[in-house]
Amino acid sequence: MNGLPPEALKEVATYFQALSEPARLQLLNLLRNGDCSVGELAELCGFTAANASRHLAFLTREGLVEREGRGTNVYYRIADDSVYALCDLVCDNIARKIERAAGERRAFARAGRATGRAVKKR
């Protein structure tokens, strides 16, 4: 992002906005397995078809998914597989953060035991 003009940074922010909604991440995750209709995706997610369509429209505008009409149904598929590499990178980072925090809690608990103070668990 180094040196990008404000207009480009706005585009980057909008892309990340598409990924900032858990419902959209759930839809993207389901599309890893291949094309799905709006109805199938809605059912798998527990959404209404209208809600699924609204999220899919946002993902389509951002170029993450593509839509194709087949008869009376609309099917969606991933348009940009690189989104999975980005999501995997973020998930790995979160996992490391959780592991570090767990290690810090264990160290704190050991320190509390060493000083004779009980550390309450939540």
N, C-alpha and C. Protein backbone atom coordinates (compact mmCIF):
# COMPACT_ATOMS: atom_id res chain seq x y z
N MET A 1 0.82 -1.19 0.00
CA MET A 1 0.00 0.00 0.00
C MET A 1 0.86 1.26 0.00
N ASN A 2 2.14 1.06 0.16
CA ASN A 2 3.04 2.20 0.24
C ASN A 2 2.92 3.06 -1.01
N GLY A 3 2.63 4.32 -0.82
CA GLY A 3 2.59 5.27 -1.93
C GLY A 3 1.28 5.32 -2.68
N LEU A 4 0.28 4.58 -2.24
CA LEU A 4 -1.02 4.61 -2.94
C LEU A 4 -1.72 5.93 -2.67
N PRO A 5 -2.35 6.49 -3.69
CA PRO A 5 -3.11 7.74 -3.49
C PRO A 5 -4.38 7.45 -2.69
N PRO A 6 -4.97 8.48 -2.09
CA PRO A 6 -6.17 8.30 -1.28
C PRO A 6 -7.30 7.56 -2.00
N GLU A 7 -7.45 7.78 -3.29
CA GLU A 7 -8.52 7.10 -4.04
C GLU A 7 -8.30 5.59 -4.05
N ALA A 8 -7.05 5.18 -4.21
CA ALA A 8 -6.74 3.75 -4.21
C ALA A 8 -6.93 3.16 -2.81
N LEU A 9 -6.54 3.90 -1.79
CA LEU A 9 -6.74 3.43 -0.42
C LEU A 9 -8.21 3.25 -0.10
N LYS A 10 -9.05 4.10 -0.68
CA LYS A 10 -10.49 3.95 -0.49
C LYS A 10 -10.97 2.63 -1.10
N GLU A 11 -10.44 2.27 -2.26
CA GLU A 11 -10.78 0.99 -2.89
C GLU A 11 -10.33 -0.19 -2.04
N VAL A 12 -9.15 -0.07 -1.46
CA VAL A 12 -8.64 -1.13 -0.58
C VAL A 12 -9.56 -1.27 0.63
N ALA A 13 -9.96 -0.15 1.20
CA ALA A 13 -10.86 -0.18 2.37
C ALA A 13 -12.19 -0.82 2.02
N THR A 14 -12.72 -0.53 0.84
CA THR A 14 -13.99 -1.11 0.41
C THR A 14 -13.86 -2.61 0.23
N TYR A 15 -12.73 -3.06 -0.29
CA TYR A 15 -12.48 -4.50 -0.44
C TYR A 15 -12.51 -5.17 0.93
N PHE A 16 -11.81 -4.58 1.89
CA PHE A 16 -11.81 -5.15 3.25
C PHE A 16 -13.18 -5.05 3.90
N GLN A 17 -13.94 -4.04 3.54
CA GLN A 17 -15.30 -3.93 4.06
C GLN A 17 -16.13 -5.13 3.61
N ALA A 18 -15.90 -5.60 2.40
CA ALA A 18 -16.61 -6.78 1.90
C ALA A 18 -16.31 -7.99 2.76
N LEU A 19 -15.13 -8.02 3.35
CA LEU A 19 -14.71 -9.16 4.17
C LEU A 19 -14.97 -8.93 5.66
N SER A 20 -15.54 -7.80 6.01
CA SER A 20 -15.72 -7.46 7.42
C SER A 20 -17.02 -7.96 8.01
N GLU A 21 -17.84 -8.60 7.22
CA GLU A 21 -19.14 -9.10 7.67
C GLU A 21 -19.09 -10.62 7.78
N PRO A 22 -19.34 -11.18 8.97
CA PRO A 22 -19.28 -12.64 9.12
C PRO A 22 -20.19 -13.39 8.15
N ALA A 23 -21.33 -12.85 7.82
CA ALA A 23 -22.24 -13.53 6.88
C ALA A 23 -21.59 -13.66 5.51
N ARG A 24 -20.88 -12.63 5.07
CA ARG A 24 -20.22 -12.70 3.76
C ARG A 24 -19.07 -13.69 3.80
N LEU A 25 -18.35 -13.73 4.91
CA LEU A 25 -17.27 -14.72 5.04
C LEU A 25 -17.83 -16.14 5.01
N GLN A 26 -18.98 -16.32 5.62
CA GLN A 26 -19.62 -17.64 5.61
C GLN A 26 -20.00 -18.03 4.18
N LEU A 27 -20.53 -17.09 3.42
CA LEU A 27 -20.89 -17.37 2.02
C LEU A 27 -19.65 -17.71 1.20
N LEU A 28 -18.59 -16.93 1.37
CA LEU A 28 -17.35 -17.20 0.65
C LEU A 28 -16.79 -18.57 1.00
N ASN A 29 -16.87 -18.92 2.26
CA ASN A 29 -16.36 -20.22 2.69
C ASN A 29 -17.15 -21.36 2.04
N LEU A 30 -18.46 -21.20 1.94
CA LEU A 30 -19.29 -22.23 1.30
C LEU A 30 -18.97 -22.35 -0.19
N LEU A 31 -18.63 -21.24 -0.81
CA LEU A 31 -18.33 -21.26 -2.25
C LEU A 31 -16.97 -21.89 -2.55
N ARG A 32 -16.18 -22.19 -1.53
CA ARG A 32 -14.93 -22.93 -1.75
C ARG A 32 -15.22 -24.29 -2.39
N ASN A 33 -16.40 -24.82 -2.10
CA ASN A 33 -16.76 -26.16 -2.60
C ASN A 33 -17.34 -26.14 -4.00
N GLY A 34 -17.53 -24.97 -4.59
CA GLY A 34 -18.06 -24.88 -5.94
C GLY A 34 -19.30 -24.01 -6.01
N ASP A 35 -19.86 -23.93 -7.21
CA ASP A 35 -21.02 -23.09 -7.47
C ASP A 35 -22.21 -23.49 -6.60
N CYS A 36 -22.97 -22.49 -6.19
CA CYS A 36 -24.20 -22.72 -5.42
C CYS A 36 -25.23 -21.70 -5.83
N SER A 37 -26.47 -22.10 -5.74
CA SER A 37 -27.56 -21.16 -6.00
C SER A 37 -27.80 -20.33 -4.75
N VAL A 38 -28.50 -19.23 -4.93
CA VAL A 38 -28.84 -18.37 -3.80
C VAL A 38 -29.62 -19.18 -2.77
N GLY A 39 -30.57 -19.96 -3.22
CA GLY A 39 -31.38 -20.75 -2.30
C GLY A 39 -30.54 -21.75 -1.51
N GLU A 40 -29.61 -22.42 -2.19
CA GLU A 40 -28.74 -23.37 -1.49
C GLU A 40 -27.88 -22.67 -0.45
N LEU A 41 -27.31 -21.54 -0.84
CA LEU A 41 -26.46 -20.80 0.10
C LEU A 41 -27.27 -20.30 1.29
N ALA A 42 -28.45 -19.79 1.01
CA ALA A 42 -29.30 -19.28 2.10
C ALA A 42 -29.64 -20.40 3.07
N GLU A 43 -29.99 -21.55 2.54
CA GLU A 43 -30.34 -22.69 3.40
C GLU A 43 -29.15 -23.15 4.23
N LEU A 44 -27.99 -23.26 3.59
CA LEU A 44 -26.79 -23.70 4.30
C LEU A 44 -26.38 -22.73 5.41
N CYS A 45 -26.64 -21.45 5.19
CA CYS A 45 -26.25 -20.43 6.17
C CYS A 45 -27.35 -20.13 7.19
N GLY A 46 -28.56 -20.55 6.89
CA GLY A 46 -29.68 -20.20 7.76
C GLY A 46 -30.16 -18.79 7.54
N PHE A 47 -29.94 -18.25 6.34
CA PHE A 47 -30.36 -16.90 5.98
C PHE A 47 -31.64 -16.98 5.17
N THR A 48 -32.31 -15.85 5.03
CA THR A 48 -33.36 -15.77 4.04
C THR A 48 -32.68 -15.61 2.68
N ALA A 49 -33.40 -15.95 1.62
CA ALA A 49 -32.84 -15.78 0.28
C ALA A 49 -32.54 -14.30 0.02
N ALA A 50 -33.38 -13.42 0.52
CA ALA A 50 -33.18 -11.98 0.32
C ALA A 50 -31.89 -11.52 1.00
N ASN A 51 -31.66 -11.99 2.21
CA ASN A 51 -30.45 -11.60 2.94
C ASN A 51 -29.21 -12.15 2.24
N ALA A 52 -29.25 -13.40 1.83
CA ALA A 52 -28.12 -13.99 1.10
C ALA A 52 -27.87 -13.22 -0.18
N SER A 53 -28.92 -12.87 -0.90
CA SER A 53 -28.78 -12.12 -2.16
C SER A 53 -28.14 -10.77 -1.93
N ARG A 54 -28.51 -10.11 -0.85
CA ARG A 54 -27.96 -8.79 -0.55
C ARG A 54 -26.45 -8.90 -0.31
N HIS A 55 -26.03 -9.89 0.46
CA HIS A 55 -24.60 -10.06 0.71
C HIS A 55 -23.86 -10.50 -0.56
N LEU A 56 -24.47 -11.35 -1.34
CA LEU A 56 -23.84 -11.80 -2.59
C LEU A 56 -23.71 -10.65 -3.58
N ALA A 57 -24.68 -9.75 -3.60
CA ALA A 57 -24.60 -8.57 -4.48
C ALA A 57 -23.39 -7.71 -4.10
N PHE A 58 -23.16 -7.54 -2.81
CA PHE A 58 -22.01 -6.76 -2.34
C PHE A 58 -20.72 -7.44 -2.78
N LEU A 59 -20.63 -8.75 -2.59
CA LEU A 59 -19.44 -9.50 -2.98
C LEU A 59 -19.23 -9.45 -4.49
N THR A 60 -20.32 -9.43 -5.24
CA THR A 60 -20.22 -9.34 -6.70
C THR A 60 -19.68 -7.98 -7.11
N ARG A 61 -20.19 -6.92 -6.49
CA ARG A 61 -19.72 -5.56 -6.81
C ARG A 61 -18.22 -5.42 -6.56
N GLU A 62 -17.73 -6.10 -5.54
CA GLU A 62 -16.31 -6.01 -5.21
C GLU A 62 -15.46 -7.00 -6.01
N GLY A 63 -16.09 -7.79 -6.87
CA GLY A 63 -15.35 -8.70 -7.74
C GLY A 63 -14.90 -9.99 -7.08
N LEU A 64 -15.46 -10.30 -5.92
CA LEU A 64 -15.07 -11.53 -5.23
C LEU A 64 -15.85 -12.74 -5.72
N VAL A 65 -17.07 -12.53 -6.14
CA VAL A 65 -17.88 -13.62 -6.70
C VAL A 65 -18.46 -13.19 -8.03
N GLU A 66 -18.84 -14.18 -8.81
CA GLU A 66 -19.53 -13.96 -10.09
C GLU A 66 -20.86 -14.66 -10.03
N ARG A 67 -21.81 -14.13 -10.76
CA ARG A 67 -23.13 -14.75 -10.80
C ARG A 67 -23.45 -15.19 -12.21
N GLU A 68 -24.24 -16.25 -12.29
CA GLU A 68 -24.63 -16.80 -13.58
C GLU A 68 -26.08 -17.28 -13.47
N GLY A 69 -26.90 -16.81 -14.37
CA GLY A 69 -28.28 -17.26 -14.41
C GLY A 69 -28.36 -18.60 -15.12
N ARG A 70 -29.07 -19.54 -14.51
CA ARG A 70 -29.30 -20.86 -15.11
C ARG A 70 -30.78 -21.16 -14.94
N GLY A 71 -31.52 -20.95 -15.99
CA GLY A 71 -32.97 -21.12 -15.91
C GLY A 71 -33.54 -20.07 -14.98
N THR A 72 -34.26 -20.51 -13.98
CA THR A 72 -34.87 -19.57 -13.04
C THR A 72 -33.99 -19.32 -11.82
N ASN A 73 -32.85 -19.98 -11.75
CA ASN A 73 -31.95 -19.82 -10.60
C ASN A 73 -30.73 -18.99 -10.95
N VAL A 74 -30.16 -18.37 -9.94
CA VAL A 74 -28.90 -17.65 -10.08
C VAL A 74 -27.87 -18.40 -9.24
N TYR A 75 -26.77 -18.72 -9.87
CA TYR A 75 -25.68 -19.44 -9.20
C TYR A 75 -24.50 -18.50 -9.02
N TYR A 76 -23.79 -18.70 -7.92
CA TYR A 76 -22.62 -17.90 -7.61
C TYR A 76 -21.40 -18.80 -7.53
N ARG A 77 -20.26 -18.22 -7.89
CA ARG A 77 -18.98 -18.91 -7.77
C ARG A 77 -17.92 -17.86 -7.44
N ILE A 78 -16.82 -18.33 -6.95
CA ILE A 78 -15.71 -17.44 -6.61
C ILE A 78 -15.12 -16.86 -7.88
N ALA A 79 -14.90 -15.57 -7.88
CA ALA A 79 -14.29 -14.90 -9.02
C ALA A 79 -12.81 -14.64 -8.77
N ASP A 80 -12.42 -14.58 -7.52
CA ASP A 80 -11.05 -14.25 -7.16
C ASP A 80 -10.59 -15.19 -6.05
N ASP A 81 -9.92 -16.27 -6.44
CA ASP A 81 -9.44 -17.26 -5.46
C ASP A 81 -8.44 -16.69 -4.46
N SER A 82 -7.83 -15.56 -4.79
CA SER A 82 -6.83 -14.99 -3.87
C SER A 82 -7.47 -14.57 -2.55
N VAL A 83 -8.77 -14.41 -2.52
CA VAL A 83 -9.43 -14.05 -1.26
C VAL A 83 -9.19 -15.13 -0.21
N TYR A 84 -9.08 -16.38 -0.62
CA TYR A 84 -8.85 -17.46 0.34
C TYR A 84 -7.44 -17.39 0.93
N ALA A 85 -6.46 -17.01 0.11
CA ALA A 85 -5.10 -16.84 0.63
C ALA A 85 -5.08 -15.71 1.66
N LEU A 86 -5.79 -14.64 1.37
CA LEU A 86 -5.86 -13.52 2.31
C LEU A 86 -6.55 -13.94 3.61
N CYS A 87 -7.67 -14.63 3.48
CA CYS A 87 -8.40 -15.09 4.67
C CYS A 87 -7.58 -16.09 5.48
N ASP A 88 -6.87 -16.98 4.80
CA ASP A 88 -6.02 -17.95 5.51
C ASP A 88 -4.90 -17.22 6.25
N LEU A 89 -4.32 -16.21 5.64
CA LEU A 89 -3.27 -15.42 6.28
C LEU A 89 -3.81 -14.76 7.55
N VAL A 90 -4.99 -14.17 7.46
CA VAL A 90 -5.61 -13.51 8.62
C VAL A 90 -5.92 -14.55 9.70
N CYS A 91 -6.49 -15.69 9.30
CA CYS A 91 -6.83 -16.74 10.28
C CYS A 91 -5.58 -17.26 10.98
N ASP A 92 -4.49 -17.43 10.25
CA ASP A 92 -3.23 -17.87 10.85
C ASP A 92 -2.74 -16.83 11.85
N ASN A 93 -2.85 -15.56 11.50
CA ASN A 93 -2.43 -14.49 12.39
C ASN A 93 -3.26 -14.49 13.68
N ILE A 94 -4.56 -14.67 13.55
CA ILE A 94 -5.44 -14.72 14.72
C ILE A 94 -5.11 -15.92 15.59
N ALA A 95 -4.83 -17.06 14.97
CA ALA A 95 -4.47 -18.27 15.73
C ALA A 95 -3.19 -18.03 16.53
N ARG A 96 -2.20 -17.38 15.91
CA ARG A 96 -0.95 -17.07 16.63
C ARG A 96 -1.22 -16.12 17.79
N LYS A 97 -2.08 -15.15 17.56
CA LYS A 97 -2.42 -14.19 18.62
C LYS A 97 -3.09 -14.90 19.80
N ILE A 98 -3.99 -15.82 19.51
CA ILE A 98 -4.67 -16.59 20.57
C ILE A 98 -3.66 -17.46 21.31
N GLU A 99 -2.76 -18.09 20.58
CA GLU A 99 -1.74 -18.93 21.22
C GLU A 99 -0.84 -18.11 22.13
N ARG A 100 -0.44 -16.91 21.68
CA ARG A 100 0.40 -16.04 22.51
C ARG A 100 -0.35 -15.64 23.79
N ALA A 101 -1.63 -15.27 23.62
CA ALA A 101 -2.43 -14.87 24.79
C ALA A 101 -2.58 -16.03 25.77
N ALA A 102 -2.78 -17.24 25.25
CA ALA A 102 -2.91 -18.41 26.12
C ALA A 102 -1.59 -18.65 26.86
N GLY A 103 -0.48 -18.50 26.17
CA GLY A 103 0.82 -18.65 26.81
C GLY A 103 1.04 -17.62 27.90
N GLU A 104 0.62 -16.38 27.64
CA GLU A 104 0.75 -15.32 28.65
C GLU A 104 -0.13 -15.62 29.85
N ARG A 105 -1.33 -16.16 29.62
CA ARG A 105 -2.21 -16.51 30.75
C ARG A 105 -1.60 -17.65 31.58
N ARG A 106 -1.01 -18.63 30.89
CA ARG A 106 -0.37 -19.73 31.62
C ARG A 106 0.80 -19.21 32.46
N ALA A 107 1.60 -18.30 31.88
CA ALA A 107 2.73 -17.73 32.61
C ALA A 107 2.24 -16.94 33.81
N PHE A 108 1.17 -16.21 33.65
CA PHE A 108 0.60 -15.43 34.74
C PHE A 108 0.10 -16.36 35.84
N ALA A 109 -0.55 -17.45 35.44
CA ALA A 109 -1.06 -18.42 36.42
C ALA A 109 0.09 -19.07 37.18
N ARG A 110 1.17 -19.42 36.47
CA ARG A 110 2.35 -20.01 37.14
C ARG A 110 2.95 -19.02 38.12
N ALA A 111 3.02 -17.75 37.73
CA ALA A 111 3.58 -16.72 38.61
C ALA A 111 2.71 -16.57 39.85
N GLY A 112 1.40 -16.64 39.67
CA GLY A 112 0.49 -16.54 40.82
C GLY A 112 0.66 -17.70 41.77
N ARG A 113 0.83 -18.90 41.22
CA ARG A 113 1.03 -20.08 42.07
C ARG A 113 2.38 -20.00 42.79
N ALA A 114 3.38 -19.48 42.08
CA ALA A 114 4.72 -19.39 42.68
C ALA A 114 4.74 -18.42 43.85
N THR A 115 3.91 -17.41 43.83
CA THR A 115 3.87 -16.44 44.92
C THR A 115 2.85 -16.83 45.98
N GLY A 116 2.16 -17.96 45.73
CA GLY A 116 1.18 -18.44 46.71
C GLY A 116 -0.19 -17.82 46.55
N ARG A 117 -0.39 -17.06 45.52
CA ARG A 117 -1.71 -16.47 45.27
C ARG A 117 -2.45 -17.29 44.24
N ALA A 118 -3.68 -17.55 44.53
CA ALA A 118 -4.52 -18.29 43.58
C ALA A 118 -5.00 -17.34 42.51
N VAL A 119 -4.97 -17.81 41.29
CA VAL A 119 -5.48 -17.04 40.16
C VAL A 119 -6.81 -17.65 39.76
N LYS A 120 -7.84 -16.84 39.81
CA LYS A 120 -9.17 -17.34 39.46
C LYS A 120 -9.27 -17.53 37.96
N LYS A 121 -9.89 -18.63 37.54
CA LYS A 121 -10.18 -18.87 36.12
C LYS A 121 -11.54 -18.29 35.81
N ARG A 122 -11.66 -17.79 34.60
CA ARG A 122 -12.95 -17.25 34.16
C ARG A 122 -13.78 -18.32 33.54
